[in-house]
Amino acid sequence: QQVNVEAVLAARLHLGEMLNWGHGVQKDFNKAYSYFVEVANQQDNKWARAGACLYLGEMYYYGNGVAKDFNKTLEYFEHVTNQQDNVWAQIG
């Protein structure tokens, strides 16, 4: 049986969102961070990857579950900007 990798990555991104914001579950920044890093480090779904990088940047900006680090925030946000350009170029 074939696994839909993009669906799995999207689900993991959404699990991270739920854990990060406490939507329907207890907030857990460590688990959210783990999901976001996993999705950010893959190449199969650029939309999910950009979303994960955005959330990681926000975590570093606000210090949610990680030490505040504006350099890491900038790095992740720049990655999102670069991904955005690549995604829009593919669309047309």
N, C-alpha and C. Protein backbone atom coordinates (compact mmCIF):
# COMPACT_ATOMS: atom_id res chain seq x y z
N GLN A 1 0.84 -1.18 0.00
CA GLN A 1 0.00 0.00 0.00
C GLN A 1 0.89 1.24 0.00
N GLN A 2 0.61 2.15 -0.90
CA GLN A 2 1.39 3.38 -1.06
C GLN A 2 0.97 4.41 -0.02
N VAL A 3 1.94 5.06 0.58
CA VAL A 3 1.68 6.11 1.55
C VAL A 3 1.75 7.45 0.83
N ASN A 4 0.79 8.32 1.08
CA ASN A 4 0.79 9.65 0.50
C ASN A 4 1.67 10.54 1.39
N VAL A 5 2.91 10.71 0.97
CA VAL A 5 3.89 11.45 1.77
C VAL A 5 3.43 12.88 2.02
N GLU A 6 2.85 13.51 1.02
CA GLU A 6 2.42 14.90 1.20
C GLU A 6 1.33 15.00 2.26
N ALA A 7 0.42 14.04 2.28
CA ALA A 7 -0.64 14.05 3.29
C ALA A 7 -0.07 13.84 4.69
N VAL A 8 0.90 12.94 4.81
CA VAL A 8 1.54 12.68 6.10
C VAL A 8 2.24 13.95 6.59
N LEU A 9 2.96 14.62 5.71
CA LEU A 9 3.67 15.84 6.10
C LEU A 9 2.69 16.95 6.49
N ALA A 10 1.60 17.07 5.74
CA ALA A 10 0.59 18.08 6.08
C ALA A 10 -0.02 17.77 7.44
N ALA A 11 -0.28 16.49 7.72
CA ALA A 11 -0.84 16.10 9.01
C ALA A 11 0.13 16.42 10.14
N ARG A 12 1.40 16.16 9.92
CA ARG A 12 2.40 16.44 10.96
C ARG A 12 2.52 17.95 11.20
N LEU A 13 2.42 18.73 10.13
CA LEU A 13 2.44 20.18 10.28
C LEU A 13 1.25 20.63 11.13
N HIS A 14 0.07 20.08 10.85
CA HIS A 14 -1.13 20.46 11.60
C HIS A 14 -1.07 19.97 13.06
N LEU A 15 -0.49 18.80 13.29
CA LEU A 15 -0.28 18.35 14.67
C LEU A 15 0.62 19.33 15.42
N GLY A 16 1.67 19.77 14.76
CA GLY A 16 2.55 20.77 15.36
C GLY A 16 1.81 22.06 15.69
N GLU A 17 0.94 22.49 14.77
CA GLU A 17 0.15 23.70 15.01
C GLU A 17 -0.73 23.52 16.25
N MET A 18 -1.42 22.38 16.32
CA MET A 18 -2.30 22.13 17.46
C MET A 18 -1.53 22.16 18.77
N LEU A 19 -0.37 21.52 18.79
CA LEU A 19 0.45 21.47 20.00
C LEU A 19 1.05 22.83 20.33
N ASN A 20 1.43 23.58 19.32
CA ASN A 20 2.02 24.90 19.52
C ASN A 20 1.01 25.88 20.11
N TRP A 21 -0.21 25.84 19.61
CA TRP A 21 -1.23 26.80 20.03
C TRP A 21 -2.16 26.26 21.11
N GLY A 22 -2.11 24.94 21.38
CA GLY A 22 -3.01 24.36 22.36
C GLY A 22 -4.44 24.24 21.86
N HIS A 23 -4.61 24.01 20.58
CA HIS A 23 -5.94 23.86 19.99
C HIS A 23 -6.44 22.43 20.20
N GLY A 24 -7.31 22.25 21.17
CA GLY A 24 -7.90 20.94 21.44
C GLY A 24 -6.98 19.99 22.20
N VAL A 25 -5.78 20.42 22.48
CA VAL A 25 -4.80 19.61 23.20
C VAL A 25 -4.02 20.51 24.15
N GLN A 26 -3.33 19.88 25.08
CA GLN A 26 -2.44 20.62 25.97
C GLN A 26 -1.27 21.18 25.15
N LYS A 27 -0.92 22.44 25.36
CA LYS A 27 0.25 23.00 24.67
C LYS A 27 1.48 22.17 24.99
N ASP A 28 2.26 21.89 23.96
CA ASP A 28 3.51 21.16 24.16
C ASP A 28 4.50 21.66 23.11
N PHE A 29 5.27 22.68 23.50
CA PHE A 29 6.20 23.29 22.56
C PHE A 29 7.28 22.31 22.09
N ASN A 30 7.70 21.41 22.96
CA ASN A 30 8.74 20.45 22.56
C ASN A 30 8.26 19.52 21.46
N LYS A 31 7.05 18.99 21.60
CA LYS A 31 6.51 18.11 20.56
C LYS A 31 6.25 18.91 19.28
N ALA A 32 5.71 20.12 19.43
CA ALA A 32 5.45 20.96 18.26
C ALA A 32 6.75 21.22 17.51
N TYR A 33 7.78 21.56 18.26
CA TYR A 33 9.09 21.82 17.65
C TYR A 33 9.58 20.60 16.88
N SER A 34 9.42 19.42 17.46
CA SER A 34 9.86 18.18 16.80
C SER A 34 9.13 17.97 15.47
N TYR A 35 7.82 18.19 15.48
CA TYR A 35 7.05 18.05 14.23
C TYR A 35 7.50 19.08 13.20
N PHE A 36 7.67 20.32 13.63
CA PHE A 36 8.06 21.38 12.70
C PHE A 36 9.44 21.11 12.09
N VAL A 37 10.38 20.66 12.91
CA VAL A 37 11.73 20.37 12.40
C VAL A 37 11.66 19.22 11.40
N GLU A 38 10.90 18.19 11.72
CA GLU A 38 10.76 17.05 10.81
C GLU A 38 10.22 17.49 9.45
N VAL A 39 9.18 18.30 9.46
CA VAL A 39 8.58 18.75 8.20
C VAL A 39 9.51 19.73 7.48
N ALA A 40 10.17 20.60 8.22
CA ALA A 40 11.07 21.58 7.60
C ALA A 40 12.26 20.93 6.92
N ASN A 41 12.65 19.75 7.38
CA ASN A 41 13.84 19.08 6.84
C ASN A 41 13.55 18.15 5.67
N GLN A 42 12.33 18.12 5.20
CA GLN A 42 12.00 17.25 4.07
C GLN A 42 11.90 18.07 2.78
N GLN A 43 11.86 17.36 1.67
CA GLN A 43 11.83 18.02 0.36
C GLN A 43 10.55 17.73 -0.42
N ASP A 44 9.67 16.88 0.10
CA ASP A 44 8.53 16.40 -0.67
C ASP A 44 7.37 17.37 -0.79
N ASN A 45 7.17 18.22 0.19
CA ASN A 45 6.03 19.13 0.17
C ASN A 45 6.51 20.53 0.53
N LYS A 46 6.72 21.35 -0.49
CA LYS A 46 7.28 22.69 -0.27
C LYS A 46 6.34 23.59 0.54
N TRP A 47 5.03 23.40 0.37
CA TRP A 47 4.07 24.20 1.13
C TRP A 47 4.19 23.90 2.62
N ALA A 48 4.20 22.60 2.95
CA ALA A 48 4.32 22.20 4.36
C ALA A 48 5.66 22.64 4.91
N ARG A 49 6.71 22.51 4.11
CA ARG A 49 8.05 22.91 4.55
C ARG A 49 8.08 24.41 4.87
N ALA A 50 7.50 25.22 4.01
CA ALA A 50 7.47 26.66 4.25
C ALA A 50 6.67 26.97 5.51
N GLY A 51 5.55 26.28 5.70
CA GLY A 51 4.74 26.49 6.91
C GLY A 51 5.51 26.13 8.17
N ALA A 52 6.22 25.01 8.13
CA ALA A 52 7.00 24.57 9.29
C ALA A 52 8.09 25.58 9.60
N CYS A 53 8.74 26.10 8.57
CA CYS A 53 9.80 27.10 8.79
C CYS A 53 9.22 28.38 9.37
N LEU A 54 8.03 28.76 8.95
CA LEU A 54 7.37 29.94 9.51
C LEU A 54 7.12 29.74 10.99
N TYR A 55 6.58 28.59 11.37
CA TYR A 55 6.32 28.32 12.78
C TYR A 55 7.60 28.24 13.60
N LEU A 56 8.64 27.64 13.04
CA LEU A 56 9.92 27.59 13.75
C LEU A 56 10.47 28.99 13.97
N GLY A 57 10.37 29.84 12.95
CA GLY A 57 10.80 31.22 13.10
C GLY A 57 10.05 31.94 14.19
N GLU A 58 8.73 31.70 14.26
CA GLU A 58 7.92 32.32 15.31
C GLU A 58 8.31 31.80 16.69
N MET A 59 8.59 30.50 16.78
CA MET A 59 8.99 29.94 18.08
C MET A 59 10.27 30.61 18.57
N TYR A 60 11.23 30.80 17.66
CA TYR A 60 12.48 31.46 18.06
C TYR A 60 12.27 32.95 18.33
N TYR A 61 11.36 33.58 17.63
CA TYR A 61 11.08 35.00 17.84
C TYR A 61 10.49 35.23 19.24
N TYR A 62 9.51 34.40 19.61
CA TYR A 62 8.82 34.57 20.89
C TYR A 62 9.45 33.79 22.04
N GLY A 63 10.36 32.88 21.72
CA GLY A 63 10.97 32.06 22.76
C GLY A 63 10.03 30.99 23.29
N ASN A 64 9.15 30.49 22.44
CA ASN A 64 8.21 29.44 22.84
C ASN A 64 8.87 28.07 22.71
N GLY A 65 9.29 27.52 23.84
CA GLY A 65 9.90 26.20 23.85
C GLY A 65 11.37 26.19 23.47
N VAL A 66 11.87 27.32 23.04
CA VAL A 66 13.29 27.47 22.66
C VAL A 66 13.76 28.82 23.19
N ALA A 67 15.07 28.98 23.26
CA ALA A 67 15.61 30.29 23.65
C ALA A 67 15.36 31.28 22.52
N LYS A 68 15.00 32.52 22.89
CA LYS A 68 14.83 33.54 21.85
C LYS A 68 16.12 33.65 21.06
N ASP A 69 15.98 33.67 19.74
CA ASP A 69 17.16 33.75 18.89
C ASP A 69 16.74 34.42 17.58
N PHE A 70 17.00 35.71 17.49
CA PHE A 70 16.56 36.46 16.32
C PHE A 70 17.33 36.07 15.07
N ASN A 71 18.54 35.57 15.22
CA ASN A 71 19.28 35.08 14.05
C ASN A 71 18.60 33.86 13.45
N LYS A 72 18.15 32.94 14.32
CA LYS A 72 17.43 31.76 13.82
C LYS A 72 16.09 32.17 13.23
N THR A 73 15.43 33.14 13.87
CA THR A 73 14.17 33.66 13.32
C THR A 73 14.39 34.15 11.91
N LEU A 74 15.40 34.97 11.72
CA LEU A 74 15.72 35.51 10.40
C LEU A 74 16.02 34.39 9.41
N GLU A 75 16.79 33.42 9.83
CA GLU A 75 17.15 32.30 8.96
C GLU A 75 15.90 31.55 8.48
N TYR A 76 15.00 31.24 9.41
CA TYR A 76 13.78 30.52 9.03
C TYR A 76 12.85 31.38 8.18
N PHE A 77 12.71 32.66 8.52
CA PHE A 77 11.85 33.53 7.72
C PHE A 77 12.41 33.74 6.32
N GLU A 78 13.73 33.85 6.20
CA GLU A 78 14.33 33.97 4.87
C GLU A 78 14.09 32.70 4.06
N HIS A 79 14.15 31.56 4.73
CA HIS A 79 13.88 30.30 4.03
C HIS A 79 12.45 30.30 3.49
N VAL A 80 11.51 30.79 4.30
CA VAL A 80 10.11 30.86 3.86
C VAL A 80 10.01 31.76 2.63
N THR A 81 10.68 32.90 2.67
CA THR A 81 10.63 33.82 1.54
C THR A 81 11.20 33.16 0.29
N ASN A 82 12.31 32.46 0.42
CA ASN A 82 12.90 31.77 -0.73
C ASN A 82 11.99 30.66 -1.24
N GLN A 83 11.40 29.90 -0.32
CA GLN A 83 10.46 28.84 -0.71
C GLN A 83 9.27 29.44 -1.43
N GLN A 84 8.75 30.55 -0.91
CA GLN A 84 7.58 31.20 -1.51
C GLN A 84 7.87 31.55 -2.96
N ASP A 85 9.04 32.10 -3.22
CA ASP A 85 9.40 32.46 -4.59
C ASP A 85 9.43 31.21 -5.48
N ASN A 86 10.00 30.12 -4.96
CA ASN A 86 10.07 28.88 -5.73
C ASN A 86 8.71 28.28 -5.98
N VAL A 87 7.83 28.33 -4.98
CA VAL A 87 6.50 27.75 -5.13
C VAL A 87 5.70 28.55 -6.16
N TRP A 88 5.75 29.87 -6.07
CA TRP A 88 4.98 30.68 -7.03
C TRP A 88 5.54 30.52 -8.44
N ALA A 89 6.82 30.32 -8.58
CA ALA A 89 7.41 30.11 -9.90
C ALA A 89 6.88 28.81 -10.51
N GLN A 90 6.66 27.78 -9.70
CA GLN A 90 6.15 26.52 -10.20
C GLN A 90 4.69 26.63 -10.62
N ILE A 91 3.94 27.49 -9.94
CA ILE A 91 2.51 27.62 -10.26
C ILE A 91 2.32 28.29 -11.61
N GLY A 92 3.16 29.24 -11.90
CA GLY A 92 3.01 29.83 -13.22
C GLY A 92 3.20 31.28 -13.19
